[in-house]
Amino acid sequence: MTKEPQQFPEKLTPLQAKVLIDAGRPLGPTAEVFVCEQARTLPQYDEPISCKANGVGDEGKKIAVNTVGRWLFGVPGWQGHVRIVPEDSAITIYYPDIAPQIAHDLLLELKHAIEESSK
């Protein structure tokens, strides 16, 4: 029996929750790319969801927001539900505190993965 993808809301605000990550080195303007690339390596990133949102790619092609990672970090034409703010060697990720539990889990696993790799 196949499990139905969890329904995620198209928009959640405000971004009241945060995760503080020690990256081990200053990342400056590359922090957002670094965080997104690290997140893509986690299994929760690709967990299927159901969401009405879509981004827009080249030539107007729709990009489905159909995974937890896409919902959090966005796709071209749709910005997602996180704001990534670097400060010295720290990165703060702001996100909706009422996000589905798997989104919280992904961000906590991301924190652990980045901090472990920076040792």
Protein backbone atom coordinates (compact mmCIF):
# COMPACT_ATOMS: atom_id res chain seq x y z
CA MET A 1 0.00 0.00 0.00
CA THR A 2 1.48 3.32 -1.12
CA LYS A 3 1.59 6.16 1.38
CA GLU A 4 -0.13 9.37 0.26
CA PRO A 5 2.19 12.40 0.17
CA GLN A 6 1.61 14.80 3.04
CA GLN A 7 -0.29 17.96 2.06
CA PHE A 8 1.82 21.10 2.52
CA PRO A 9 0.41 24.63 2.43
CA GLU A 10 1.37 26.86 -0.47
CA LYS A 11 2.33 29.78 1.78
CA LEU A 12 3.20 29.96 5.47
CA THR A 13 4.26 33.10 7.28
CA PRO A 14 5.75 34.57 9.38
CA LEU A 15 9.21 33.05 9.65
CA GLN A 16 9.29 32.84 13.45
CA ALA A 17 11.38 29.72 14.03
CA LYS A 18 15.11 29.61 13.54
CA VAL A 19 18.01 27.22 13.44
CA LEU A 20 21.47 28.54 14.28
CA ILE A 21 24.32 26.65 12.60
CA ASP A 22 28.04 26.94 13.27
CA ALA A 23 29.57 26.54 9.81
CA GLY A 24 33.13 26.60 11.17
CA ARG A 25 34.17 29.37 8.79
CA PRO A 26 32.73 32.60 7.40
CA LEU A 27 30.66 31.94 4.26
CA GLY A 28 29.36 35.42 3.46
CA PRO A 29 27.23 35.61 0.33
CA THR A 30 27.91 31.94 -0.54
CA ALA A 31 26.04 30.74 2.58
CA GLU A 32 22.72 30.27 0.78
CA VAL A 33 24.23 28.11 -1.97
CA PHE A 34 26.25 26.14 0.60
CA VAL A 35 23.18 25.44 2.76
CA CYS A 36 21.02 24.40 -0.20
CA GLU A 37 23.71 22.07 -1.55
CA GLN A 38 24.15 20.45 1.86
CA ALA A 39 20.38 20.05 2.25
CA ARG A 40 20.13 18.24 -1.10
CA THR A 41 22.30 15.43 0.28
CA LEU A 42 19.77 14.58 3.03
CA PRO A 43 17.06 11.96 2.49
CA GLN A 44 14.30 14.21 3.89
CA TYR A 45 14.95 16.71 1.08
CA ASP A 46 13.43 14.34 -1.50
CA GLU A 47 10.48 13.21 0.63
CA PRO A 48 7.41 13.57 -1.63
CA ILE A 49 4.72 16.08 -0.67
CA SER A 50 1.56 17.46 -2.18
CA CYS A 51 1.54 21.24 -2.68
CA LYS A 52 -0.30 23.49 -5.12
CA ALA A 53 2.71 25.80 -5.62
CA ASN A 54 4.77 25.78 -8.81
CA GLY A 55 7.86 27.59 -9.94
CA VAL A 56 8.61 28.62 -13.50
CA GLY A 57 11.67 27.44 -15.39
CA ASP A 58 13.07 28.15 -18.82
CA GLU A 59 10.53 28.97 -21.51
CA GLY A 60 7.73 29.13 -18.93
CA LYS A 61 7.85 25.44 -18.03
CA LYS A 62 6.24 24.72 -14.61
CA ILE A 63 8.42 23.30 -11.85
CA ALA A 64 6.44 21.36 -9.25
CA VAL A 65 7.00 22.04 -5.56
CA ASN A 66 6.66 18.34 -4.76
CA THR A 67 9.35 17.58 -2.16
CA VAL A 68 10.09 18.85 1.33
CA GLY A 69 13.35 20.40 0.11
CA ARG A 70 11.71 22.28 -2.74
CA TRP A 71 9.02 23.52 -0.36
CA LEU A 72 11.62 24.82 2.10
CA PHE A 73 14.33 26.11 -0.23
CA GLY A 74 12.30 26.98 -3.31
CA VAL A 75 12.65 26.47 -7.04
CA PRO A 76 13.17 29.00 -9.83
CA GLY A 77 10.19 31.34 -9.83
CA TRP A 78 9.07 30.34 -6.31
CA GLN A 79 11.15 31.35 -3.30
CA GLY A 80 10.27 28.73 -0.69
CA HIS A 81 9.94 29.11 3.06
CA VAL A 82 13.40 29.85 4.46
CA ARG A 83 15.61 32.89 4.78
CA ILE A 84 19.31 32.16 5.19
CA VAL A 85 21.31 34.81 7.01
CA PRO A 86 25.11 34.46 7.39
CA GLU A 87 27.04 36.26 10.13
CA ASP A 88 30.73 35.49 10.55
CA SER A 89 30.97 31.69 10.86
CA ALA A 90 27.31 31.32 11.86
CA ILE A 91 24.30 30.79 9.64
CA THR A 92 20.78 31.45 10.84
CA ILE A 93 17.92 29.83 8.96
CA TYR A 94 14.50 31.36 9.59
CA TYR A 95 11.40 29.33 8.74
CA PRO A 96 7.70 29.07 9.72
CA ASP A 97 7.27 27.60 13.19
CA ILE A 98 4.04 25.93 12.04
CA ALA A 99 5.79 24.08 9.19
CA PRO A 100 5.05 20.35 8.97
CA GLN A 101 7.24 18.24 11.30
CA ILE A 102 9.35 16.76 8.51
CA ALA A 103 10.50 20.29 7.58
CA HIS A 104 11.69 20.84 11.17
CA ASP A 105 13.41 17.44 11.06
CA LEU A 106 15.21 18.26 7.79
CA LEU A 107 16.54 21.55 9.19
CA LEU A 108 17.77 19.91 12.40
CA GLU A 109 19.49 17.16 10.40
CA LEU A 110 21.01 19.85 8.17
CA LYS A 111 22.39 21.65 11.24
CA HIS A 112 23.92 18.40 12.48
CA ALA A 113 25.43 17.55 9.06
CA ILE A 114 27.00 21.00 8.57
CA GLU A 115 28.37 21.21 12.11
CA GLU A 116 29.82 17.69 11.93
CA SER A 117 31.51 18.40 8.59
CA SER A 118 33.04 21.64 9.92
CA LYS A 119 34.93 19.90 12.75
